[in-house]
PDB file of N, CA and C in Angstrom:
ATOM      1  N   MET A   1      13.059   5.168  -7.060  1.00  0.00           N
ATOM      2  CA  MET A   1      14.048   5.107  -6.022  1.00  0.00           C
ATOM      3  C   MET A   1      14.790   3.782  -6.052  1.00  0.00           C
ATOM      4  N   ARG A   2      14.169   2.777  -6.606  1.00  0.00           N
ATOM      5  CA  ARG A   2      14.855   1.484  -6.745  1.00  0.00           C
ATOM      6  C   ARG A   2      15.562   1.459  -8.089  1.00  0.00           C
ATOM      7  N   GLY A   3      16.761   2.009  -8.086  1.00  0.00           N
ATOM      8  CA  GLY A   3      17.553   2.028  -9.302  1.00  0.00           C
ATOM      9  C   GLY A   3      17.279   3.232 -10.193  1.00  0.00           C
ATOM     10  N   ILE A   4      16.366   4.107  -9.796  1.00  0.00           N
ATOM     11  CA  ILE A   4      16.045   5.295 -10.573  1.00  0.00           C
ATOM     12  C   ILE A   4      16.453   6.516  -9.762  1.00  0.00           C
ATOM     13  N   ARG A   5      17.148   7.426 -10.383  1.00  0.00           N
ATOM     14  CA  ARG A   5      17.593   8.630  -9.695  1.00  0.00           C
ATOM     15  C   ARG A   5      16.412   9.589  -9.536  1.00  0.00           C
ATOM     16  N   VAL A   6      16.143  10.001  -8.315  1.00  0.00           N
ATOM     17  CA  VAL A   6      15.024  10.896  -8.014  1.00  0.00           C
ATOM     18  C   VAL A   6      15.592  12.250  -7.608  1.00  0.00           C
ATOM     19  N   ILE A   7      15.103  13.296  -8.260  1.00  0.00           N
ATOM     20  CA  ILE A   7      15.542  14.662  -7.965  1.00  0.00           C
ATOM     21  C   ILE A   7      14.348  15.430  -7.424  1.00  0.00           C
ATOM     22  N   THR A   8      14.525  16.115  -6.299  1.00  0.00           N
ATOM     23  CA  THR A   8      13.454  16.932  -5.736  1.00  0.00           C
ATOM     24  C   THR A   8      13.848  18.398  -5.848  1.00  0.00           C
ATOM     25  N   TYR A   9      12.859  19.236  -6.150  1.00  0.00           N
ATOM     26  CA  TYR A   9      13.095  20.675  -6.287  1.00  0.00           C
ATOM     27  C   TYR A   9      12.453  21.470  -5.160  1.00  0.00           C
ATOM     28  N   SER A  10      11.793  20.776  -4.264  1.00  0.00           N
ATOM     29  CA  SER A  10      11.234  21.422  -3.072  1.00  0.00           C
ATOM     30  C   SER A  10      11.577  20.521  -1.896  1.00  0.00           C
ATOM     31  N   ALA A  11      10.712  20.395  -0.936  1.00  0.00           N
ATOM     32  CA  ALA A  11      11.018  19.569   0.230  1.00  0.00           C
ATOM     33  C   ALA A  11       9.865  18.619   0.543  1.00  0.00           C
ATOM     34  N   PRO A  12       9.612  17.605  -0.316  1.00  0.00           N
ATOM     35  CA  PRO A  12       8.593  16.617   0.030  1.00  0.00           C
ATOM     36  C   PRO A  12       9.047  15.819   1.253  1.00  0.00           C
ATOM     37  N   PHE A  13       8.148  15.039   1.812  1.00  0.00           N
ATOM     38  CA  PHE A  13       8.450  14.356   3.072  1.00  0.00           C
ATOM     39  C   PHE A  13       9.647  13.426   2.973  1.00  0.00           C
ATOM     40  N   TYR A  14       9.938  12.901   1.796  1.00  0.00           N
ATOM     41  CA  TYR A  14      11.044  11.955   1.649  1.00  0.00           C
ATOM     42  C   TYR A  14      12.366  12.637   1.306  1.00  0.00           C
ATOM     43  N   ALA A  15      12.344  13.933   1.039  1.00  0.00           N
ATOM     44  CA  ALA A  15      13.585  14.649   0.737  1.00  0.00           C
ATOM     45  C   ALA A  15      14.404  14.797   2.013  1.00  0.00           C
ATOM     46  N   GLY A  16      15.692  14.780   1.870  1.00  0.00           N
ATOM     47  CA  GLY A  16      16.569  14.905   3.026  1.00  0.00           C
ATOM     48  C   GLY A  16      16.863  13.589   3.705  1.00  0.00           C
ATOM     49  N   SER A  17      16.321  12.489   3.174  1.00  0.00           N
ATOM     50  CA  SER A  17      16.556  11.181   3.772  1.00  0.00           C
ATOM     51  C   SER A  17      17.786  10.504   3.197  1.00  0.00           C
ATOM     52  N   GLY A  18      18.394  11.138   2.198  1.00  0.00           N
ATOM     53  CA  GLY A  18      19.562  10.551   1.569  1.00  0.00           C
ATOM     54  C   GLY A  18      19.237   9.682   0.373  1.00  0.00           C
ATOM     55  N   LEU A  19      17.960   9.544   0.048  1.00  0.00           N
ATOM     56  CA  LEU A  19      17.545   8.701  -1.070  1.00  0.00           C
ATOM     57  C   LEU A  19      17.365   9.492  -2.359  1.00  0.00           C
ATOM     58  N   THR A  20      17.370  10.812  -2.263  1.00  0.00           N
ATOM     59  CA  THR A  20      17.127  11.660  -3.424  1.00  0.00           C
ATOM     60  C   THR A  20      18.229  12.703  -3.560  1.00  0.00           C
ATOM     61  N   LYS A  21      18.305  13.286  -4.752  1.00  0.00           N
ATOM     62  CA  LYS A  21      19.180  14.444  -4.948  1.00  0.00           C
ATOM     63  C   LYS A  21      18.300  15.667  -4.733  1.00  0.00           C
ATOM     64  N   ASP A  22      18.581  16.422  -3.694  1.00  0.00           N
ATOM     65  CA  ASP A  22      17.739  17.539  -3.302  1.00  0.00           C
ATOM     66  C   ASP A  22      18.320  18.851  -3.806  1.00  0.00           C
ATOM     67  N   CYS A  23      17.533  19.564  -4.596  1.00  0.00           N
ATOM     68  CA  CYS A  23      17.996  20.825  -5.182  1.00  0.00           C
ATOM     69  C   CYS A  23      17.625  22.040  -4.334  1.00  0.00           C
ATOM     70  N   ALA A  24      16.642  21.930  -3.482  1.00  0.00           N
ATOM     71  CA  ALA A  24      16.221  23.055  -2.634  1.00  0.00           C
ATOM     72  C   ALA A  24      17.021  23.006  -1.338  1.00  0.00           C
ATOM     73  N   ILE A  25      18.255  23.485  -1.377  1.00  0.00           N
ATOM     74  CA  ILE A  25      19.140  23.327  -0.219  1.00  0.00           C
ATOM     75  C   ILE A  25      18.882  24.340   0.881  1.00  0.00           C
ATOM     76  N   ASN A  26      18.211  25.440   0.606  1.00  0.00           N
ATOM     77  CA  ASN A  26      17.958  26.468   1.619  1.00  0.00           C
ATOM     78  C   ASN A  26      16.533  26.428   2.158  1.00  0.00           C
ATOM     79  N   HIS A  27      15.883  25.303   2.066  1.00  0.00           N
ATOM     80  CA  HIS A  27      14.503  25.175   2.532  1.00  0.00           C
ATOM     81  C   HIS A  27      14.487  25.069   4.056  1.00  0.00           C
ATOM     82  N   PRO A  28      13.481  25.668   4.731  1.00  0.00           N
ATOM     83  CA  PRO A  28      13.406  25.601   6.199  1.00  0.00           C
ATOM     84  C   PRO A  28      13.271  24.180   6.751  1.00  0.00           C
ATOM     85  N   ALA A  29      12.785  23.264   5.952  1.00  0.00           N
ATOM     86  CA  ALA A  29      12.615  21.887   6.423  1.00  0.00           C
ATOM     87  C   ALA A  29      13.951  21.218   6.716  1.00  0.00           C
ATOM     88  N   TRP A  30      15.023  21.675   6.105  1.00  0.00           N
ATOM     89  CA  TRP A  30      16.326  21.023   6.291  1.00  0.00           C
ATOM     90  C   TRP A  30      16.864  21.204   7.697  1.00  0.00           C
ATOM     91  N   VAL A  31      16.343  22.159   8.439  1.00  0.00           N
ATOM     92  CA  VAL A  31      16.810  22.373   9.814  1.00  0.00           C
ATOM     93  C   VAL A  31      16.498  21.158  10.680  1.00  0.00           C
ATOM     94  N   ARG A  32      15.326  20.562  10.487  1.00  0.00           N
ATOM     95  CA  ARG A  32      14.915  19.438  11.331  1.00  0.00           C
ATOM     96  C   ARG A  32      15.195  18.074  10.703  1.00  0.00           C
ATOM     97  N   ARG A  33      15.559  18.040   9.429  1.00  0.00           N
ATOM     98  CA  ARG A  33      15.804  16.757   8.755  1.00  0.00           C
ATOM     99  C   ARG A  33      17.295  16.441   8.741  1.00  0.00           C
ATOM    100  N   LYS A  34      17.710  15.611   9.647  1.00  0.00           N
ATOM    101  CA  LYS A  34      19.122  15.252   9.735  1.00  0.00           C
ATOM    102  C   LYS A  34      19.334  13.754   9.566  1.00  0.00           C
ATOM    103  N   ARG A  35      18.277  12.969   9.709  1.00  0.00           N
ATOM    104  CA  ARG A  35      18.394  11.522   9.729  1.00  0.00           C
ATOM    105  C   ARG A  35      18.418  10.935   8.320  1.00  0.00           C
ATOM    106  N   ARG A  36      19.281   9.972   8.100  1.00  0.00           N
ATOM    107  CA  ARG A  36      19.332   9.238   6.832  1.00  0.00           C
ATOM    108  C   ARG A  36      18.508   7.962   6.975  1.00  0.00           C
ATOM    109  N   LEU A  37      17.733   7.634   5.958  1.00  0.00           N
ATOM    110  CA  LEU A  37      16.861   6.463   5.994  1.00  0.00           C
ATOM    111  C   LEU A  37      17.178   5.533   4.838  1.00  0.00           C
ATOM    112  N   THR A  38      16.909   4.258   5.052  1.00  0.00           N
ATOM    113  CA  THR A  38      16.943   3.318   3.943  1.00  0.00           C
ATOM    114  C   THR A  38      15.579   3.371   3.257  1.00  0.00           C
ATOM    115  N   LEU A  39      15.487   2.791   2.083  1.00  0.00           N
ATOM    116  CA  LEU A  39      14.208   2.777   1.373  1.00  0.00           C
ATOM    117  C   LEU A  39      13.166   1.971   2.145  1.00  0.00           C
ATOM    118  N   ASP A  40      13.575   0.875   2.774  1.00  0.00           N
ATOM    119  CA  ASP A  40      12.641   0.072   3.567  1.00  0.00           C
ATOM    120  C   ASP A  40      12.111   0.863   4.767  1.00  0.00           C
ATOM    121  N   GLN A  41      12.975   1.627   5.423  1.00  0.00           N
ATOM    122  CA  GLN A  41      12.534   2.447   6.558  1.00  0.00           C
ATOM    123  C   GLN A  41      11.555   3.520   6.100  1.00  0.00           C
ATOM    124  N   LEU A  42      11.829   4.134   4.954  1.00  0.00           N
ATOM    125  CA  LEU A  42      10.934   5.160   4.430  1.00  0.00           C
ATOM    126  C   LEU A  42       9.567   4.562   4.083  1.00  0.00           C
ATOM    127  N   CYS A  43       9.550   3.403   3.449  1.00  0.00           N
ATOM    128  CA  CYS A  43       8.284   2.746   3.099  1.00  0.00           C
ATOM    129  C   CYS A  43       7.509   2.356   4.350  1.00  0.00           C
ATOM    130  N   ALA A  44       8.200   1.824   5.350  1.00  0.00           N
ATOM    131  CA  ALA A  44       7.523   1.442   6.598  1.00  0.00           C
ATOM    132  C   ALA A  44       6.917   2.664   7.279  1.00  0.00           C
ATOM    133  N   ALA A  45       7.649   3.758   7.289  1.00  0.00           N
ATOM    134  CA  ALA A  45       7.135   4.963   7.941  1.00  0.00           C
ATOM    135  C   ALA A  45       5.924   5.521   7.204  1.00  0.00           C
ATOM    136  N   THR A  46       5.970   5.541   5.876  1.00  0.00           N
ATOM    137  CA  THR A  46       4.889   6.169   5.118  1.00  0.00           C
ATOM    138  C   THR A  46       3.659   5.281   4.963  1.00  0.00           C
ATOM    139  N   LEU A  47       3.822   3.957   5.015  1.00  0.00           N
ATOM    140  CA  LEU A  47       2.679   3.071   4.812  1.00  0.00           C
ATOM    141  C   LEU A  47       2.164   2.407   6.085  1.00  0.00           C
ATOM    142  N   LEU A  48       3.053   2.214   7.082  1.00  0.00           N
ATOM    143  CA  LEU A  48       2.658   1.468   8.270  1.00  0.00           C
ATOM    144  C   LEU A  48       2.609   2.292   9.546  1.00  0.00           C
ATOM    145  N   LEU A  49       3.626   3.090   9.798  1.00  0.00           N
ATOM    146  CA  LEU A  49       3.753   3.740  11.095  1.00  0.00           C
ATOM    147  C   LEU A  49       3.003   5.070  11.190  1.00  0.00           C
ATOM    148  N   TYR A  50       3.085   5.898  10.167  1.00  0.00           N
ATOM    149  CA  TYR A  50       2.505   7.236  10.239  1.00  0.00           C
ATOM    150  C   TYR A  50       0.997   7.282   9.997  1.00  0.00           C
ATOM    151  N   PRO A  51       0.483   6.634   8.950  1.00  0.00           N
ATOM    152  CA  PRO A  51      -0.946   6.828   8.632  1.00  0.00           C
ATOM    153  C   PRO A  51      -1.877   6.082   9.588  1.00  0.00           C
ATOM    154  N   ARG A  52      -3.093   6.580   9.624  1.00  0.00           N
ATOM    155  CA  ARG A  52      -4.174   5.903  10.338  1.00  0.00           C
ATOM    156  C   ARG A  52      -5.205   5.513   9.285  1.00  0.00           C
ATOM    157  N   TYR A  53      -5.651   4.289   9.326  1.00  0.00           N
ATOM    158  CA  TYR A  53      -6.620   3.779   8.366  1.00  0.00           C
ATOM    159  C   TYR A  53      -7.990   3.703   9.034  1.00  0.00           C
ATOM    160  N   TRP A  54      -9.025   4.107   8.314  1.00  0.00           N
ATOM    161  CA  TRP A  54     -10.383   4.147   8.848  1.00  0.00           C
ATOM    162  C   TRP A  54     -11.073   2.817   8.600  1.00  0.00           C
ATOM    163  N   ASP A  55     -11.580   2.221   9.664  1.00  0.00           N
ATOM    164  CA  ASP A  55     -12.369   1.002   9.580  1.00  0.00           C
ATOM    165  C   ASP A  55     -13.834   1.422   9.585  1.00  0.00           C
ATOM    166  N   ALA A  56     -14.477   1.347   8.449  1.00  0.00           N
ATOM    167  CA  ALA A  56     -15.849   1.835   8.308  1.00  0.00           C
ATOM    168  C   ALA A  56     -16.841   0.966   9.079  1.00  0.00           C
ATOM    169  N   GLN A  57     -16.556  -0.307   9.185  1.00  0.00           N
ATOM    170  CA  GLN A  57     -17.492  -1.194   9.890  1.00  0.00           C
ATOM    171  C   GLN A  57     -17.414  -0.972  11.405  1.00  0.00           C
ATOM    172  N   ALA A  58     -16.216  -0.833  11.939  1.00  0.00           N
ATOM    173  CA  ALA A  58     -16.061  -0.652  13.383  1.00  0.00           C
ATOM    174  C   ALA A  58     -16.127   0.817  13.797  1.00  0.00           C
ATOM    175  N   GLN A  59     -16.052   1.727  12.835  1.00  0.00           N
ATOM    176  CA  GLN A  59     -16.141   3.167  13.072  1.00  0.00           C
ATOM    177  C   GLN A  59     -15.010   3.703  13.958  1.00  0.00           C
ATOM    178  N   PHE A  60     -13.768   3.292  13.659  1.00  0.00           N
ATOM    179  CA  PHE A  60     -12.612   3.853  14.357  1.00  0.00           C
ATOM    180  C   PHE A  60     -11.377   3.742  13.469  1.00  0.00           C
ATOM    181  N   PHE A  61     -10.322   4.473  13.838  1.00  0.00           N
ATOM    182  CA  PHE A  61      -9.065   4.407  13.111  1.00  0.00           C
ATOM    183  C   PHE A  61      -8.304   3.161  13.540  1.00  0.00           C
ATOM    184  N   ASP A  62      -7.571   2.593  12.591  1.00  0.00           N
ATOM    185  CA  ASP A  62      -6.887   1.339  12.850  1.00  0.00           C
ATOM    186  C   ASP A  62      -5.491   1.355  12.253  1.00  0.00           C
ATOM    187  N   THR A  63      -4.685   0.364  12.586  1.00  0.00           N
ATOM    188  CA  THR A  63      -3.340   0.244  12.036  1.00  0.00           C
ATOM    189  C   THR A  63      -3.407  -0.397  10.648  1.00  0.00           C
ATOM    190  N   ALA A  64      -2.321  -0.314   9.922  1.00  0.00           N
ATOM    191  CA  ALA A  64      -2.266  -0.901   8.585  1.00  0.00           C
ATOM    192  C   ALA A  64      -2.406  -2.415   8.640  1.00  0.00           C
ATOM    193  N   GLU A  65      -1.795  -3.033   9.637  1.00  0.00           N
ATOM    194  CA  GLU A  65      -1.865  -4.489   9.749  1.00  0.00           C
ATOM    195  C   GLU A  65      -3.302  -4.962   9.967  1.00  0.00           C
ATOM    196  N   ARG A  66      -4.026  -4.278  10.844  1.00  0.00           N
ATOM    197  CA  ARG A  66      -5.415  -4.663  11.098  1.00  0.00           C
ATOM    198  C   ARG A  66      -6.304  -4.366   9.897  1.00  0.00           C
ATOM    199  N   ALA A  67      -6.013  -3.283   9.178  1.00  0.00           N
ATOM    200  CA  ALA A  67      -6.785  -2.970   7.972  1.00  0.00           C
ATOM    201  C   ALA A  67      -6.583  -4.056   6.919  1.00  0.00           C
ATOM    202  N   CYS A  68      -5.350  -4.520   6.745  1.00  0.00           N
ATOM    203  CA  CYS A  68      -5.076  -5.596   5.778  1.00  0.00           C
ATOM    204  C   CYS A  68      -5.751  -6.895   6.198  1.00  0.00           C
ATOM    205  N   THR A  69      -5.745  -7.179   7.496  1.00  0.00           N
ATOM    206  CA  THR A  69      -6.416  -8.376   7.998  1.00  0.00           C
ATOM    207  C   THR A  69      -7.918  -8.305   7.744  1.00  0.00           C
ATOM    208  N   ALA A  70      -8.517  -7.147   7.988  1.00  0.00           N
ATOM    209  CA  ALA A  70      -9.957  -6.978   7.755  1.00  0.00           C
ATOM    210  C   ALA A  70     -10.293  -7.142   6.273  1.00  0.00           C
ATOM    211  N   ILE A  71      -9.455  -6.598   5.406  1.00  0.00           N
ATOM    212  CA  ILE A  71      -9.682  -6.753   3.961  1.00  0.00           C
ATOM    213  C   ILE A  71      -9.571  -8.217   3.572  1.00  0.00           C
ATOM    214  N   GLY A  72      -8.578  -8.908   4.121  1.00  0.00           N
ATOM    215  CA  GLY A  72      -8.416 -10.331   3.826  1.00  0.00           C
ATOM    216  C   GLY A  72      -9.597 -11.158   4.286  1.00  0.00           C
ATOM    217  N   LEU A  73     -10.125 -10.850   5.464  1.00  0.00           N
ATOM    218  CA  LEU A  73     -11.294 -11.580   5.963  1.00  0.00           C
ATOM    219  C   LEU A  73     -12.516 -11.341   5.085  1.00  0.00           C
ATOM    220  N   LYS A  74     -12.711 -10.090   4.670  1.00  0.00           N
ATOM    221  CA  LYS A  74     -13.843  -9.780   3.786  1.00  0.00           C
ATOM    222  C   LYS A  74     -13.693 -10.493   2.450  1.00  0.00           C
ATOM    223  N   THR A  75     -12.478 -10.532   1.928  1.00  0.00           N
ATOM    224  CA  THR A  75     -12.237 -11.212   0.659  1.00  0.00           C
ATOM    225  C   THR A  75     -12.551 -12.691   0.789  1.00  0.00           C
ATOM    226  N   ASP A  76     -12.115 -13.310   1.893  1.00  0.00           N
ATOM    227  CA  ASP A  76     -12.405 -14.723   2.115  1.00  0.00           C
ATOM    228  C   ASP A  76     -13.907 -14.969   2.211  1.00  0.00           C
ATOM    229  N   GLN A  77     -14.636 -14.070   2.857  1.00  0.00           N
ATOM    230  CA  GLN A  77     -16.090 -14.227   2.970  1.00  0.00           C
ATOM    231  C   GLN A  77     -16.744 -14.149   1.599  1.00  0.00           C
ATOM    232  N   PHE A  78     -16.327 -13.171   0.794  1.00  0.00           N
ATOM    233  CA  PHE A  78     -16.933 -13.016  -0.524  1.00  0.00           C
ATOM    234  C   PHE A  78     -16.572 -14.171  -1.444  1.00  0.00           C
ATOM    235  N   CYS A  79     -15.340 -14.630  -1.390  1.00  0.00           N
ATOM    236  CA  CYS A  79     -14.933 -15.738  -2.252  1.00  0.00           C
ATOM    237  C   CYS A  79     -15.605 -17.039  -1.837  1.00  0.00           C
ATOM    238  N   GLY A  80     -15.852 -17.200  -0.550  1.00  0.00           N
ATOM    239  CA  GLY A  80     -16.519 -18.407  -0.069  1.00  0.00           C
ATOM    240  C   GLY A  80     -17.964 -18.484  -0.505  1.00  0.00           C
ATOM    241  N   ARG A  81     -18.618 -17.351  -0.700  1.00  0.00           N
ATOM    242  CA  ARG A  81     -20.029 -17.323  -1.096  1.00  0.00           C
ATOM    243  C   ARG A  81     -20.219 -17.185  -2.599  1.00  0.00           C
ATOM    244  N   ALA A  82     -19.148 -17.001  -3.317  1.00  0.00           N
ATOM    245  CA  ALA A  82     -19.273 -16.745  -4.755  1.00  0.00           C
ATOM    246  C   ALA A  82     -19.837 -17.976  -5.464  1.00  0.00           C
ATOM    247  N   LYS A  83     -20.800 -17.740  -6.324  1.00  0.00           N
ATOM    248  CA  LYS A  83     -21.382 -18.805  -7.127  1.00  0.00           C
ATOM    249  C   LYS A  83     -20.960 -18.580  -8.575  1.00  0.00           C
ATOM    250  N   PRO A  84     -20.670 -19.645  -9.290  1.00  0.00           N
ATOM    251  CA  PRO A  84     -20.261 -19.471 -10.681  1.00  0.00           C
ATOM    252  C   PRO A  84     -21.400 -18.923 -11.530  1.00  0.00           C
ATOM    253  N   ASP A  85     -21.048 -18.145 -12.490  1.00  0.00           N
ATOM    254  CA  ASP A  85     -22.025 -17.554 -13.391  1.00  0.00           C
ATOM    255  C   ASP A  85     -22.274 -18.542 -14.525  1.00  0.00           C
ATOM    256  N   ALA A  86     -23.475 -19.076 -14.598  1.00  0.00           N
ATOM    257  CA  ALA A  86     -23.801 -20.080 -15.613  1.00  0.00           C
ATOM    258  C   ALA A  86     -23.780 -19.512 -17.022  1.00  0.00           C
ATOM    259  N   HIS A  87     -23.794 -18.203 -17.142  1.00  0.00           N
ATOM    260  CA  HIS A  87     -23.800 -17.595 -18.462  1.00  0.00           C
ATOM    261  C   HIS A  87     -22.415 -17.164 -18.912  1.00  0.00           C
ATOM    262  N   SER A  88     -21.398 -17.399 -18.092  1.00  0.00           N
ATOM    263  CA  SER A  88     -20.053 -16.985 -18.487  1.00  0.00           C
ATOM    264  C   SER A  88     -19.502 -17.943 -19.528  1.00  0.00           C
ATOM    265  N   PRO A  89     -18.642 -17.426 -20.403  1.00  0.00           N
ATOM    266  CA  PRO A  89     -18.069 -18.299 -21.440  1.00  0.00           C
ATOM    267  C   PRO A  89     -17.264 -19.429 -20.815  1.00  0.00           C
ATOM    268  N   GLY A  90     -17.508 -20.613 -21.271  1.00  0.00           N
ATOM    269  CA  GLY A  90     -16.743 -21.755 -20.809  1.00  0.00           C
ATOM    270  C   GLY A  90     -17.273 -22.427 -19.557  1.00  0.00           C
ATOM    271  N   PHE A  91     -18.350 -21.903 -18.959  1.00  0.00           N
ATOM    272  CA  PHE A  91     -18.856 -22.496 -17.714  1.00  0.00           C
ATOM    273  C   PHE A  91     -19.300 -23.937 -17.937  1.00  0.00           C
ATOM    274  N   TRP A  92     -20.111 -24.169 -18.959  1.00  0.00           N
ATOM    275  CA  TRP A  92     -20.633 -25.512 -19.191  1.00  0.00           C
ATOM    276  C   TRP A  92     -19.533 -26.458 -19.648  1.00  0.00           C
ATOM    277  N   ARG A  93     -18.542 -25.930 -20.376  1.00  0.00           N
ATOM    278  CA  ARG A  93     -17.407 -26.749 -20.792  1.00  0.00           C
ATOM    279  C   ARG A  93     -16.631 -27.225 -19.562  1.00  0.00           C
ATOM    280  N   ARG A  94     -16.425 -26.353 -18.600  1.00  0.00           N
ATOM    281  CA  ARG A  94     -15.730 -26.736 -17.363  1.00  0.00           C
ATOM    282  C   ARG A  94     -16.547 -27.756 -16.571  1.00  0.00           C
ATOM    283  N   GLN A  95     -17.857 -27.609 -16.593  1.00  0.00           N
ATOM    284  CA  GLN A  95     -18.710 -28.541 -15.878  1.00  0.00           C
ATOM    285  C   GLN A  95     -18.634 -29.930 -16.512  1.00  0.00           C
ATOM    286  N   ARG A  96     -18.571 -29.973 -17.825  1.00  0.00           N
ATOM    287  CA  ARG A  96     -18.483 -31.265 -18.510  1.00  0.00           C
ATOM    288  C   ARG A  96     -17.188 -31.978 -18.137  1.00  0.00           C
ATOM    289  N   PHE A  97     -16.069 -31.203 -18.093  1.00  0.00           N
ATOM    290  CA  PHE A  97     -14.791 -31.816 -17.728  1.00  0.00           C
ATOM    291  C   PHE A  97     -14.770 -32.226 -16.263  1.00  0.00           C
ATOM    292  N   ALA A  98     -15.514 -31.536 -15.424  1.00  0.00           N
ATOM    293  CA  ALA A  98     -15.556 -31.890 -14.010  1.00  0.00           C
ATOM    294  C   ALA A  98     -16.293 -33.209 -13.799  1.00  0.00           C
ATOM    295  N   ILE A  99     -17.268 -33.499 -14.677  1.00  0.00           N
ATOM    296  CA  ILE A  99     -18.051 -34.732 -14.551  1.00  0.00           C
ATOM    297  C   ILE A  99     -17.258 -35.923 -15.058  1.00  0.00           C
ATOM    298  N   GLU A 100     -16.499 -35.728 -16.113  1.00  0.00           N
ATOM    299  CA  GLU A 100     -15.778 -36.843 -16.733  1.00  0.00           C
ATOM    300  C   GLU A 100     -14.663 -37.368 -15.920  1.00  0.00           C
TER     301      GLU A 100
END
């Protein structure tokens, strides 16, 4: 969609938004699809506004923003506890340079 021509032959959720060339002109979905969207609006609707994300730790559905925040916090926790692998290639070489 960013510089690539997209052709639809049925009525996926993004068809009728003005971003694609739609070949299924007599589909029943066209009755309710009248609004034109920008690509940013379509991405926001499909990734942020419409879906519900499951938070397995809290056991409830959450927004995309909170899901990203939770992932970021978990990543920070794991990276903070990570210990270097003494058997990885170059570990001792890096340690020598750190001492010098």
